[in-house]
């Protein structure tokens, strides 16, 4: 755990190796991503599958998601200072 930046929290999700999930799991994941009280300022996903990236973007309903090949890349982007 790291201290939260003053501009709000960020999320990094490692979805590498994820296989197709049940409808219930997909619905729960989608609800979590769309919850406005838990919304991250930045949302970084690690994913090794083009299909998973498409599905995550569709499920989240957000355009401000970034995808990365490694956790280190995702964390660097998520915790980088905002640019005006």
C-alpha atoms as a PDB file:
ATOM      1  CA  UNK A   1       0.000   0.000   0.000  1.00  0.00           C
ATOM      2  CA  UNK A   2       1.170   3.471  -0.828  1.00  0.00           C
ATOM      3  CA  UNK A   3      -0.119   6.835   0.320  1.00  0.00           C
ATOM      4  CA  UNK A   4      -2.883   8.156  -1.898  1.00  0.00           C
ATOM      5  CA  UNK A   5      -2.029  11.108  -4.098  1.00  0.00           C
ATOM      6  CA  UNK A   6      -3.892  14.289  -3.149  1.00  0.00           C
ATOM      7  CA  UNK A   7      -5.746  14.156  -6.477  1.00  0.00           C
ATOM      8  CA  UNK A   8      -7.366  10.787  -5.772  1.00  0.00           C
ATOM      9  CA  UNK A   9      -6.559   7.113  -5.877  1.00  0.00           C
ATOM     10  CA  UNK A  10      -5.331   5.093  -8.821  1.00  0.00           C
ATOM     11  CA  UNK A  11      -5.840   1.416  -9.630  1.00  0.00           C
ATOM     12  CA  UNK A  12      -3.595  -1.161 -11.241  1.00  0.00           C
ATOM     13  CA  UNK A  13      -5.176  -4.486 -12.150  1.00  0.00           C
ATOM     14  CA  UNK A  14      -3.075  -7.410 -13.327  1.00  0.00           C
ATOM     15  CA  UNK A  15      -5.389  -9.321 -15.673  1.00  0.00           C
ATOM     16  CA  UNK A  16      -2.641 -11.293 -17.399  1.00  0.00           C
ATOM     17  CA  UNK A  17      -3.517 -14.928 -17.846  1.00  0.00           C
ATOM     18  CA  UNK A  18      -7.218 -14.309 -17.242  1.00  0.00           C
ATOM     19  CA  UNK A  19      -9.459 -16.772 -19.041  1.00  0.00           C
ATOM     20  CA  UNK A  20     -13.133 -16.381 -19.902  1.00  0.00           C
ATOM     21  CA  UNK A  21     -15.195 -15.921 -16.748  1.00  0.00           C
ATOM     22  CA  UNK A  22     -18.753 -16.819 -15.804  1.00  0.00           C
ATOM     23  CA  UNK A  23     -21.523 -14.294 -16.467  1.00  0.00           C
ATOM     24  CA  UNK A  24     -21.786 -13.678 -12.705  1.00  0.00           C
ATOM     25  CA  UNK A  25     -18.065 -12.878 -12.424  1.00  0.00           C
ATOM     26  CA  UNK A  26     -18.237 -10.564 -15.437  1.00  0.00           C
ATOM     27  CA  UNK A  27     -21.284  -8.761 -13.996  1.00  0.00           C
ATOM     28  CA  UNK A  28     -19.595  -8.289 -10.611  1.00  0.00           C
ATOM     29  CA  UNK A  29     -16.389  -6.999 -12.226  1.00  0.00           C
ATOM     30  CA  UNK A  30     -18.357  -4.593 -14.426  1.00  0.00           C
ATOM     31  CA  UNK A  31     -20.322  -3.272 -11.441  1.00  0.00           C
ATOM     32  CA  UNK A  32     -17.117  -2.684  -9.504  1.00  0.00           C
ATOM     33  CA  UNK A  33     -15.547  -0.752 -12.399  1.00  0.00           C
ATOM     34  CA  UNK A  34     -18.648   1.437 -12.840  1.00  0.00           C
ATOM     35  CA  UNK A  35     -19.145   2.229  -9.137  1.00  0.00           C
ATOM     36  CA  UNK A  36     -18.748   6.031  -8.889  1.00  0.00           C
ATOM     37  CA  UNK A  37     -17.773   5.962  -5.197  1.00  0.00           C
ATOM     38  CA  UNK A  38     -14.837   3.660  -5.940  1.00  0.00           C
ATOM     39  CA  UNK A  39     -13.833   5.274  -9.242  1.00  0.00           C
ATOM     40  CA  UNK A  40     -10.092   5.606  -9.711  1.00  0.00           C
ATOM     41  CA  UNK A  41      -8.512   8.721 -11.136  1.00  0.00           C
ATOM     42  CA  UNK A  42      -6.429   6.436 -13.343  1.00  0.00           C
ATOM     43  CA  UNK A  43      -7.100   2.810 -14.228  1.00  0.00           C
ATOM     44  CA  UNK A  44      -4.180   0.735 -15.526  1.00  0.00           C
ATOM     45  CA  UNK A  45      -4.538  -2.864 -16.662  1.00  0.00           C
ATOM     46  CA  UNK A  46      -1.830  -5.412 -17.298  1.00  0.00           C
ATOM     47  CA  UNK A  47      -3.073  -7.805 -19.936  1.00  0.00           C
ATOM     48  CA  UNK A  48      -1.428 -10.218 -22.342  1.00  0.00           C
ATOM     49  CA  UNK A  49      -4.512 -10.691 -24.511  1.00  0.00           C
ATOM     50  CA  UNK A  50      -5.976  -8.365 -27.127  1.00  0.00           C
ATOM     51  CA  UNK A  51      -9.397  -9.924 -26.560  1.00  0.00           C
ATOM     52  CA  UNK A  52      -9.182  -9.305 -22.798  1.00  0.00           C
ATOM     53  CA  UNK A  53      -8.267  -5.661 -23.452  1.00  0.00           C
ATOM     54  CA  UNK A  54     -11.320  -5.217 -25.680  1.00  0.00           C
ATOM     55  CA  UNK A  55     -13.578  -6.890 -23.129  1.00  0.00           C
ATOM     56  CA  UNK A  56     -12.219  -4.838 -20.214  1.00  0.00           C
ATOM     57  CA  UNK A  57     -12.695  -1.581 -22.128  1.00  0.00           C
ATOM     58  CA  UNK A  58     -16.284  -2.583 -22.995  1.00  0.00           C
ATOM     59  CA  UNK A  59     -17.116  -3.730 -19.459  1.00  0.00           C
ATOM     60  CA  UNK A  60     -15.737  -0.652 -17.777  1.00  0.00           C
ATOM     61  CA  UNK A  61     -17.591   1.874 -19.899  1.00  0.00           C
ATOM     62  CA  UNK A  62     -14.535   4.114 -19.564  1.00  0.00           C
ATOM     63  CA  UNK A  63     -12.257   5.544 -22.207  1.00  0.00           C
ATOM     64  CA  UNK A  64      -9.562   6.599 -19.724  1.00  0.00           C
ATOM     65  CA  UNK A  65      -8.072   3.139 -19.284  1.00  0.00           C
ATOM     66  CA  UNK A  66      -4.501   2.322 -20.239  1.00  0.00           C
ATOM     67  CA  UNK A  67      -3.172  -1.163 -20.962  1.00  0.00           C
ATOM     68  CA  UNK A  68       0.356  -2.383 -20.332  1.00  0.00           C
ATOM     69  CA  UNK A  69       2.489  -5.487 -20.756  1.00  0.00           C
ATOM     70  CA  UNK A  70       4.052  -5.348 -17.264  1.00  0.00           C
ATOM     71  CA  UNK A  71       2.978  -4.341 -13.764  1.00  0.00           C
ATOM     72  CA  UNK A  72       5.969  -1.994 -13.569  1.00  0.00           C
ATOM     73  CA  UNK A  73       4.826  -0.071 -16.670  1.00  0.00           C
ATOM     74  CA  UNK A  74       1.263   0.113 -15.338  1.00  0.00           C
ATOM     75  CA  UNK A  75       2.360   1.394 -11.929  1.00  0.00           C
ATOM     76  CA  UNK A  76       4.661   3.998 -13.482  1.00  0.00           C
ATOM     77  CA  UNK A  77       1.807   5.380 -15.601  1.00  0.00           C
ATOM     78  CA  UNK A  78      -0.782   5.231 -12.825  1.00  0.00           C
ATOM     79  CA  UNK A  79       1.403   7.085 -10.320  1.00  0.00           C
ATOM     80  CA  UNK A  80       2.910   9.643 -12.718  1.00  0.00           C
ATOM     81  CA  UNK A  81       2.049  13.270 -12.024  1.00  0.00           C
ATOM     82  CA  UNK A  82      -0.838  14.747 -13.993  1.00  0.00           C
ATOM     83  CA  UNK A  83       0.107  17.063 -16.810  1.00  0.00           C
ATOM     84  CA  UNK A  84      -1.961  20.207 -17.369  1.00  0.00           C
END
